N, C-alpha and C. Protein backbone atom coordinates (compact mmCIF):
# COMPACT_ATOMS: atom_id res chain seq x y z
N UNK A 1 19.76 40.41 4.76
CA UNK A 1 18.45 40.67 5.01
C UNK A 1 18.88 42.20 5.37
N UNK A 2 18.18 43.03 5.19
CA UNK A 2 18.31 44.54 5.40
C UNK A 2 17.43 44.71 6.89
N UNK A 3 17.84 45.80 7.23
CA UNK A 3 16.91 46.69 8.62
C UNK A 3 15.50 46.66 8.36
N UNK A 4 14.88 46.81 7.53
CA UNK A 4 13.63 46.97 7.31
C UNK A 4 13.06 45.26 7.45
N UNK A 5 13.79 44.63 6.52
CA UNK A 5 13.22 43.19 6.35
C UNK A 5 13.36 42.76 7.88
N UNK A 6 14.44 42.92 8.54
CA UNK A 6 14.50 42.31 9.93
C UNK A 6 13.32 43.04 10.85
N UNK A 7 13.52 44.04 10.64
CA UNK A 7 12.16 44.70 11.74
C UNK A 7 11.00 43.95 11.11
N UNK A 8 10.60 43.69 10.04
CA UNK A 8 9.10 43.10 9.62
C UNK A 8 9.34 41.45 10.08
N UNK A 9 10.21 40.93 10.12
CA UNK A 9 10.51 39.83 10.70
C UNK A 9 10.14 39.63 11.89
N UNK A 10 10.78 40.48 12.72
CA UNK A 10 10.24 40.61 14.06
C UNK A 10 8.97 40.94 14.57
N UNK A 11 8.44 41.72 13.82
CA UNK A 11 7.02 42.10 13.86
C UNK A 11 5.86 40.79 13.58
N UNK A 12 6.16 40.12 12.54
CA UNK A 12 5.74 38.75 12.25
C UNK A 12 5.70 37.89 13.34
N UNK A 13 6.99 37.68 13.83
CA UNK A 13 7.18 36.62 14.75
C UNK A 13 6.26 37.11 16.23
N UNK A 14 6.48 38.54 16.15
CA UNK A 14 5.75 38.73 17.64
C UNK A 14 3.98 38.52 17.38
N UNK A 15 3.56 38.74 16.49
CA UNK A 15 2.24 38.64 15.80
C UNK A 15 1.94 36.92 15.69
N UNK A 16 2.66 36.19 15.10
CA UNK A 16 2.44 34.82 15.24
C UNK A 16 2.56 34.16 16.57
N UNK A 17 3.43 34.56 17.49
CA UNK A 17 3.29 34.07 18.97
C UNK A 17 2.28 34.44 19.75
N UNK A 18 1.76 36.03 19.64
CA UNK A 18 0.64 35.98 20.14
C UNK A 18 -0.72 35.55 19.86
N UNK A 19 -0.71 35.31 18.48
CA UNK A 19 -1.88 34.54 17.86
C UNK A 19 -2.05 33.14 18.52
N UNK A 20 -0.75 32.43 18.44
CA UNK A 20 -0.68 31.06 19.00
C UNK A 20 -0.99 30.92 20.44
N UNK A 21 -0.60 32.07 21.13
CA UNK A 21 -1.03 32.11 22.57
C UNK A 21 -2.53 32.45 22.80
N UNK A 22 -3.14 32.90 21.73
CA UNK A 22 -4.76 33.16 21.67
C UNK A 22 -5.27 31.88 21.50
N UNK A 23 -4.67 31.09 20.59
CA UNK A 23 -5.33 29.79 19.82
C UNK A 23 -4.92 28.88 21.14
N UNK A 24 -4.04 28.83 22.03
CA UNK A 24 -3.98 27.90 23.00
C UNK A 24 -4.98 28.13 24.26
N UNK A 25 -5.37 29.52 24.24
CA UNK A 25 -6.18 29.82 25.35
C UNK A 25 -7.75 29.35 24.94
N UNK A 26 -7.90 29.59 23.94
CA UNK A 26 -9.44 29.23 23.03
C UNK A 26 -9.49 27.52 23.14
N UNK A 27 -8.51 26.78 23.15
CA UNK A 27 -8.35 25.51 23.14
C UNK A 27 -8.73 25.10 24.52
N UNK A 28 -8.04 25.91 25.44
CA UNK A 28 -8.16 25.30 26.89
C UNK A 28 -9.81 25.82 27.26
N UNK A 29 -10.47 27.00 26.71
CA UNK A 29 -11.75 27.38 27.07
C UNK A 29 -12.67 26.12 26.48
N UNK A 30 -12.39 25.49 25.29
CA UNK A 30 -13.40 24.58 24.77
C UNK A 30 -13.01 23.13 25.23
N UNK A 31 -11.73 22.81 25.70
CA UNK A 31 -11.31 21.69 26.40
C UNK A 31 -12.35 21.63 28.22
N UNK A 32 -12.33 22.81 28.66
CA UNK A 32 -13.07 22.93 29.94
C UNK A 32 -14.65 22.76 29.69
N UNK A 33 -14.89 22.97 28.49
CA UNK A 33 -16.45 23.25 28.13
C UNK A 33 -16.78 21.53 27.82
N UNK A 34 -15.83 20.70 27.49
CA UNK A 34 -16.15 19.32 27.30
C UNK A 34 -15.76 18.84 25.68
N UNK A 35 -15.29 19.96 25.10
CA UNK A 35 -14.86 19.48 23.68
C UNK A 35 -13.41 18.77 23.72
N UNK A 36 -13.65 17.40 22.93
CA UNK A 36 -12.22 17.03 22.57
C UNK A 36 -12.13 16.27 21.52
N UNK A 37 -11.29 15.21 21.09
CA UNK A 37 -11.44 14.54 19.88
C UNK A 37 -10.57 15.13 18.71
N UNK A 38 -9.98 16.34 18.99
CA UNK A 38 -9.41 17.21 17.85
C UNK A 38 -8.66 16.32 17.02
N UNK A 39 -7.76 15.42 17.52
CA UNK A 39 -6.72 14.76 16.72
C UNK A 39 -7.79 13.02 16.37
N UNK A 40 -8.62 12.86 16.61
CA UNK A 40 -9.36 11.73 16.40
C UNK A 40 -10.02 11.58 15.00
N UNK A 41 -11.09 10.90 14.86
CA UNK A 41 -11.62 10.65 13.54
C UNK A 41 -12.89 11.56 13.11
N UNK A 42 -13.01 12.84 13.90
CA UNK A 42 -14.15 13.77 13.51
C UNK A 42 -13.57 14.00 12.02
N UNK A 43 -14.65 13.56 11.07
CA UNK A 43 -14.52 13.97 9.63
C UNK A 43 -13.75 15.32 9.21
N UNK A 44 -12.50 15.23 8.23
CA UNK A 44 -12.16 16.63 7.81
C UNK A 44 -13.09 17.04 7.24
N UNK A 45 -14.03 16.96 6.56
CA UNK A 45 -14.91 17.44 5.81
C UNK A 45 -15.84 18.57 6.63
N UNK A 46 -15.98 17.95 7.94
CA UNK A 46 -16.95 18.69 8.99
C UNK A 46 -16.12 19.96 9.34
N UNK A 47 -14.94 19.40 9.42
CA UNK A 47 -13.81 20.69 10.29
C UNK A 47 -14.11 21.90 9.07
N UNK A 48 -13.83 21.36 7.64
CA UNK A 48 -13.80 22.49 6.78
C UNK A 48 -15.10 23.21 6.50
N UNK A 49 -16.09 22.47 6.59
CA UNK A 49 -16.94 23.32 6.74
C UNK A 49 -17.68 24.09 7.85
N UNK A 50 -17.02 23.66 9.12
CA UNK A 50 -16.83 24.74 9.80
C UNK A 50 -16.13 25.98 9.91
N UNK A 51 -15.01 25.57 9.14
CA UNK A 51 -14.28 26.88 8.68
C UNK A 51 -14.97 27.61 7.80
N UNK A 52 -15.28 27.04 7.01
CA UNK A 52 -16.31 28.03 5.94
C UNK A 52 -17.47 28.85 6.52
N UNK A 53 -18.20 28.13 7.38
CA UNK A 53 -19.42 28.80 8.26
C UNK A 53 -18.89 30.12 9.07
N UNK A 54 -17.60 29.91 9.60
CA UNK A 54 -17.09 30.99 10.55
C UNK A 54 -16.79 32.03 9.79
N UNK A 55 -15.95 31.63 8.52
CA UNK A 55 -15.41 32.42 7.57
C UNK A 55 -16.79 33.52 7.14
N UNK A 56 -17.90 33.05 6.74
CA UNK A 56 -18.83 33.56 6.14
C UNK A 56 -19.59 34.41 7.47
N UNK A 57 -19.72 34.01 8.52
CA UNK A 57 -20.13 34.73 9.55
C UNK A 57 -19.40 35.97 9.76
N UNK A 58 -18.14 36.03 9.76
CA UNK A 58 -17.17 37.14 9.81
C UNK A 58 -17.62 38.15 8.57
N UNK A 59 -17.48 37.42 7.61
CA UNK A 59 -17.43 38.46 6.38
C UNK A 59 -18.98 38.81 6.12
N UNK A 60 -20.11 38.21 6.43
CA UNK A 60 -21.50 38.60 6.10
C UNK A 60 -22.35 39.13 7.42
N UNK A 61 -21.90 39.08 8.58
CA UNK A 61 -22.61 39.78 9.45
C UNK A 61 -22.15 40.63 10.30
N UNK A 62 -22.70 41.38 11.16
CA UNK A 62 -22.15 42.39 11.76
C UNK A 62 -21.69 42.05 13.28
N UNK A 63 -20.68 41.13 13.37
CA UNK A 63 -20.11 40.64 14.64
C UNK A 63 -19.26 42.00 15.20
N UNK A 64 -19.22 41.70 16.59
CA UNK A 64 -18.27 42.56 17.07
C UNK A 64 -16.86 42.26 17.09
N UNK A 65 -15.92 43.05 17.35
CA UNK A 65 -14.54 42.79 17.37
C UNK A 65 -14.15 41.39 18.00
N UNK A 66 -14.88 41.34 18.98
CA UNK A 66 -14.37 40.27 20.01
C UNK A 66 -15.06 39.05 19.33
N UNK A 67 -16.30 38.92 18.77
CA UNK A 67 -16.58 37.78 18.41
C UNK A 67 -15.98 37.45 16.72
N UNK A 68 -15.46 38.48 16.25
CA UNK A 68 -14.61 38.53 14.93
C UNK A 68 -13.21 37.61 15.45
N UNK A 69 -12.84 37.96 16.50
CA UNK A 69 -11.48 37.46 16.99
C UNK A 69 -11.52 35.86 17.49
N UNK A 70 -12.61 35.66 17.94
CA UNK A 70 -12.78 34.03 18.47
C UNK A 70 -13.07 33.30 17.28
N UNK A 71 -13.89 34.04 16.31
CA UNK A 71 -14.17 33.06 15.36
C UNK A 71 -12.84 33.06 14.29
N UNK A 72 -12.03 33.90 14.08
CA UNK A 72 -10.78 33.94 13.63
C UNK A 72 -9.84 32.79 14.22
N UNK A 73 -10.05 32.74 15.68
CA UNK A 73 -8.98 31.81 16.28
C UNK A 73 -9.51 30.41 16.03
N UNK A 74 -11.29 30.18 16.25
CA UNK A 74 -11.66 28.77 15.85
C UNK A 74 -11.30 28.50 14.59
N UNK A 75 -11.20 29.36 13.46
CA UNK A 75 -10.72 29.02 12.26
C UNK A 75 -9.51 28.42 12.21
N UNK A 76 -8.54 29.08 12.86
CA UNK A 76 -7.12 28.82 12.86
C UNK A 76 -7.01 27.46 13.57
N UNK A 77 -7.80 27.35 14.74
CA UNK A 77 -7.66 26.15 15.26
C UNK A 77 -7.57 24.82 14.53
N UNK A 78 -9.01 24.87 14.05
CA UNK A 78 -9.35 23.72 12.97
C UNK A 78 -8.36 23.75 11.77
N UNK A 79 -7.91 24.61 11.23
CA UNK A 79 -7.04 24.49 10.06
C UNK A 79 -5.65 24.04 10.88
N UNK A 80 -5.42 24.11 12.00
CA UNK A 80 -4.27 23.48 12.64
C UNK A 80 -4.55 21.92 12.57
N UNK A 81 -5.90 21.52 13.15
CA UNK A 81 -6.14 20.07 13.59
C UNK A 81 -6.05 19.57 12.06
N UNK A 82 -6.46 20.17 10.92
CA UNK A 82 -6.18 19.37 9.66
C UNK A 82 -4.95 19.14 9.49
N UNK A 83 -3.94 20.12 9.51
CA UNK A 83 -2.72 20.27 9.38
C UNK A 83 -2.15 19.06 9.82
N UNK A 84 -2.31 19.07 11.35
CA UNK A 84 -2.02 17.92 12.22
C UNK A 84 -2.05 16.56 11.76
N UNK A 85 -3.38 16.39 11.13
CA UNK A 85 -3.78 14.93 10.91
C UNK A 85 -3.10 14.69 9.54
N UNK A 86 -2.99 15.59 8.70
CA UNK A 86 -2.41 15.20 7.26
C UNK A 86 -1.00 14.98 7.83
N UNK A 87 0.00 15.33 8.58
CA UNK A 87 1.13 15.17 9.12
C UNK A 87 1.14 13.77 9.76
N UNK A 88 0.49 13.56 10.52
CA UNK A 88 0.40 12.08 11.20
C UNK A 88 0.41 11.38 10.13
N UNK A 89 -0.73 11.56 9.19
CA UNK A 89 -0.92 10.31 8.04
C UNK A 89 0.01 10.19 7.17
N UNK A 90 1.13 11.02 7.02
CA UNK A 90 2.14 10.95 6.08
C UNK A 90 2.82 10.20 6.74
N UNK A 91 3.26 10.49 8.03
CA UNK A 91 4.37 10.01 8.95
C UNK A 91 3.91 8.26 8.85
N UNK A 92 2.63 8.10 9.05
CA UNK A 92 2.12 6.71 9.28
C UNK A 92 2.29 5.94 7.78
N UNK A 93 2.31 6.60 6.90
CA UNK A 93 2.18 6.17 5.41
C UNK A 93 3.55 6.02 5.09
N UNK A 94 4.80 6.91 5.63
CA UNK A 94 6.17 6.49 5.38
C UNK A 94 6.45 5.03 6.12
N UNK A 95 6.11 5.20 7.33
CA UNK A 95 6.47 4.00 8.30
C UNK A 95 5.91 2.60 7.47
N UNK A 96 4.57 2.83 7.34
CA UNK A 96 3.91 1.46 6.55
C UNK A 96 4.57 1.03 5.17
N UNK A 97 4.92 2.02 4.52
CA UNK A 97 5.71 1.99 3.19
C UNK A 97 6.92 1.32 3.40
N UNK A 98 7.85 1.80 4.37
CA UNK A 98 9.12 1.26 4.64
C UNK A 98 9.28 0.01 5.34
N UNK A 99 7.94 -0.24 6.09
CA UNK A 99 7.94 -1.76 6.43
C UNK A 99 7.66 -2.64 5.09
N UNK A 100 7.00 -2.30 4.25
CA UNK A 100 6.36 -3.17 3.33
C UNK A 100 7.84 -3.45 2.54
N UNK A 101 8.47 -2.44 2.34
CA UNK A 101 9.64 -2.63 1.26
C UNK A 101 10.63 -3.46 1.99
N UNK A 102 10.94 -3.39 3.35
CA UNK A 102 11.64 -4.17 4.25
C UNK A 102 11.43 -5.78 4.30
N UNK A 103 10.13 -5.70 4.00
CA UNK A 103 9.48 -7.19 4.05
C UNK A 103 9.86 -7.77 2.84
N UNK A 104 9.68 -7.20 1.93
CA UNK A 104 9.82 -7.30 0.18
C UNK A 104 11.39 -7.54 0.16
N UNK A 105 12.14 -6.71 0.49
CA UNK A 105 13.45 -7.08 0.37
C UNK A 105 14.26 -7.95 1.31
N UNK A 106 13.56 -8.53 2.52
CA UNK A 106 14.11 -9.64 3.16
C UNK A 106 13.92 -10.94 2.34
N UNK A 107 12.43 -10.95 1.97
CA UNK A 107 11.94 -12.08 1.20
C UNK A 107 12.96 -12.27 -0.15
N UNK A 108 13.24 -11.30 -0.85
CA UNK A 108 14.08 -11.51 -2.02
C UNK A 108 15.54 -12.03 -1.70
N UNK A 109 16.02 -11.58 -0.49
CA UNK A 109 17.39 -11.91 -0.05
C UNK A 109 17.31 -13.53 0.52
N UNK A 110 16.38 -13.93 1.01
CA UNK A 110 15.89 -15.09 1.46
C UNK A 110 15.91 -16.09 0.03
N UNK A 111 15.22 -15.56 -0.62
CA UNK A 111 15.02 -16.66 -1.99
C UNK A 111 16.07 -16.54 -2.76
N UNK A 112 16.90 -15.72 -2.83
CA UNK A 112 18.12 -15.64 -3.71
C UNK A 112 19.27 -16.36 -2.90
N UNK A 113 19.18 -16.36 -1.53
CA UNK A 113 20.37 -17.00 -0.76
C UNK A 113 21.52 -16.07 -0.99
N UNK A 114 21.38 -14.72 -0.98
CA UNK A 114 22.73 -13.95 -1.20
C UNK A 114 23.22 -13.90 -2.72
N UNK A 115 23.07 -14.53 -3.56
CA UNK A 115 23.39 -14.39 -4.81
C UNK A 115 23.09 -13.25 -5.37
N UNK A 116 24.42 -12.81 -6.20
CA UNK A 116 24.13 -11.56 -7.04
C UNK A 116 23.62 -11.86 -8.54
N UNK A 117 23.59 -10.65 -9.42
CA UNK A 117 23.14 -10.94 -10.93
C UNK A 117 22.08 -11.86 -11.02
N UNK A 118 21.09 -11.84 -10.26
CA UNK A 118 19.86 -12.39 -10.40
C UNK A 118 18.57 -11.62 -10.64
N UNK A 119 17.85 -12.32 -11.56
CA UNK A 119 16.64 -11.47 -11.71
C UNK A 119 15.33 -12.86 -11.42
N UNK A 120 14.11 -12.46 -10.96
CA UNK A 120 13.35 -13.05 -11.19
C UNK A 120 11.61 -12.60 -10.51
N UNK A 121 10.92 -13.48 -10.07
CA UNK A 121 9.63 -13.08 -9.75
C UNK A 121 9.28 -14.02 -8.93
N UNK A 122 7.98 -13.85 -7.90
CA UNK A 122 7.68 -14.44 -7.04
C UNK A 122 6.20 -13.69 -6.57
N UNK A 123 5.35 -14.28 -5.69
CA UNK A 123 4.10 -13.76 -5.02
C UNK A 123 4.55 -12.78 -4.34
N UNK A 124 4.15 -11.48 -4.17
CA UNK A 124 4.43 -10.35 -3.52
C UNK A 124 4.21 -10.65 -2.06
N UNK A 125 5.03 -10.63 -1.12
CA UNK A 125 5.15 -10.83 0.30
C UNK A 125 4.15 -9.56 0.91
N UNK A 126 4.21 -8.30 0.45
CA UNK A 126 3.91 -7.25 1.10
C UNK A 126 2.27 -7.38 1.02
N UNK A 127 1.57 -7.65 -0.36
CA UNK A 127 0.29 -7.46 -0.62
C UNK A 127 -0.34 -8.67 -0.75
N UNK A 128 0.24 -10.01 -1.00
CA UNK A 128 -0.25 -11.00 -1.00
C UNK A 128 -1.07 -11.38 -2.47
N UNK A 129 -1.09 -10.63 -3.15
CA UNK A 129 -1.91 -10.59 -4.56
C UNK A 129 -1.10 -10.13 -5.65
N UNK A 130 -0.46 -9.60 -5.68
CA UNK A 130 0.42 -9.21 -7.02
C UNK A 130 1.77 -10.14 -7.14
N UNK A 131 2.29 -9.77 -8.42
CA UNK A 131 3.44 -10.56 -8.73
C UNK A 131 4.78 -9.33 -8.60
N UNK A 132 5.64 -10.05 -7.75
CA UNK A 132 6.94 -9.08 -7.65
C UNK A 132 7.76 -9.57 -8.44
N UNK A 133 8.63 -8.57 -9.38
CA UNK A 133 9.62 -8.88 -9.95
C UNK A 133 10.67 -8.16 -9.45
N UNK A 134 11.94 -8.64 -9.57
CA UNK A 134 12.92 -8.20 -8.73
C UNK A 134 14.39 -8.50 -9.59
N UNK A 135 15.40 -7.54 -9.15
CA UNK A 135 16.91 -8.17 -9.60
C UNK A 135 17.75 -7.69 -8.48
N UNK A 136 18.94 -8.55 -8.40
CA UNK A 136 19.62 -8.26 -7.38
C UNK A 136 21.16 -7.80 -8.32
N UNK A 137 21.52 -6.58 -8.46
CA UNK A 137 22.68 -6.19 -9.06
C UNK A 137 24.07 -7.04 -8.69
N UNK A 138 24.68 -7.35 -9.85
CA UNK A 138 25.72 -8.29 -9.71
C UNK A 138 27.14 -7.56 -9.03
N UNK A 139 27.08 -6.13 -9.45
CA UNK A 139 28.14 -5.43 -8.84
C UNK A 139 28.24 -4.97 -7.41
N UNK A 140 26.92 -4.88 -6.81
CA UNK A 140 26.81 -4.45 -5.33
C UNK A 140 26.00 -4.80 -4.56
N UNK A 141 25.03 -5.52 -4.99
CA UNK A 141 23.94 -6.71 -4.56
C UNK A 141 22.51 -5.59 -4.06
N UNK A 142 22.65 -4.54 -4.68
CA UNK A 142 21.42 -3.70 -4.61
C UNK A 142 20.11 -4.44 -5.35
N UNK A 143 19.02 -4.47 -4.63
CA UNK A 143 17.89 -5.07 -5.02
C UNK A 143 17.06 -3.73 -5.87
N UNK A 144 16.34 -4.46 -6.55
CA UNK A 144 15.82 -3.33 -7.33
C UNK A 144 13.97 -4.34 -7.27
N UNK A 145 12.74 -3.78 -7.16
CA UNK A 145 11.84 -4.57 -6.94
C UNK A 145 10.72 -3.97 -7.47
N UNK A 146 9.48 -4.41 -8.03
CA UNK A 146 8.21 -3.95 -8.04
C UNK A 146 7.23 -5.03 -8.20
N UNK A 147 6.00 -4.21 -7.43
CA UNK A 147 4.93 -5.22 -7.60
C UNK A 147 3.96 -4.99 -8.53
N UNK A 148 3.20 -5.91 -9.15
CA UNK A 148 2.65 -5.81 -10.24
C UNK A 148 1.04 -5.00 -9.56
N UNK A 149 0.72 -5.16 -8.21
CA UNK A 149 -0.32 -4.41 -7.76
C UNK A 149 0.04 -2.97 -7.58
N UNK A 150 -1.01 -2.11 -7.88
CA UNK A 150 -0.84 -0.70 -8.04
C UNK A 150 -0.74 -0.08 -6.60
N UNK A 151 0.25 0.61 -6.35
CA UNK A 151 0.65 1.73 -4.90
C UNK A 151 1.04 0.42 -3.91
N UNK A 152 1.58 -0.75 -4.55
CA UNK A 152 2.18 -1.83 -3.38
C UNK A 152 3.45 -1.37 -3.13
N UNK A 153 4.34 -2.04 -3.85
CA UNK A 153 5.95 -1.40 -3.49
C UNK A 153 6.66 -1.36 -4.96
N UNK A 154 7.48 -0.63 -5.01
CA UNK A 154 8.48 -0.29 -6.07
C UNK A 154 9.56 0.39 -5.48
N UNK A 155 10.74 -0.24 -5.37
CA UNK A 155 12.03 0.69 -4.82
C UNK A 155 13.21 0.07 -5.97
N UNK A 156 14.44 0.89 -5.42
CA UNK A 156 15.47 0.61 -5.92
C UNK A 156 16.62 1.01 -4.84
N UNK A 157 17.48 0.17 -4.65
CA UNK A 157 18.46 0.79 -3.73
C UNK A 157 19.60 1.32 -4.31
């Protein structure tokens, strides 16, 4: 990175830090006015609609610089809410998916009693509706499995 790029990165970092400070201040103002539930079940579509409405107000009306600043911060905070929820959902989906795989693997190990070089099928212990086809590798005991139910489990060790 050259000197010009380092200077640009420093300016960007200062700007982002200042913006984050303004976002936090605005969130505190809203909290003190009784707003809450940003990480709850408020429909994402409503948040997107509010972002769009604020963006239109900025673009199409004669707002003061202070009003533009507040609307911009509100947009950023709502976008942050959406990002946070998406990250939490992804983490929950990962944990749920891993737990399903572990449940299936445990059932296969129990059914095969530790034998290798086996293939078979059984009712899926994860969803309870599909058929689970599996194999246990002869060389290393790794399990491969797939449920017939879409989006249930499918893995290879």
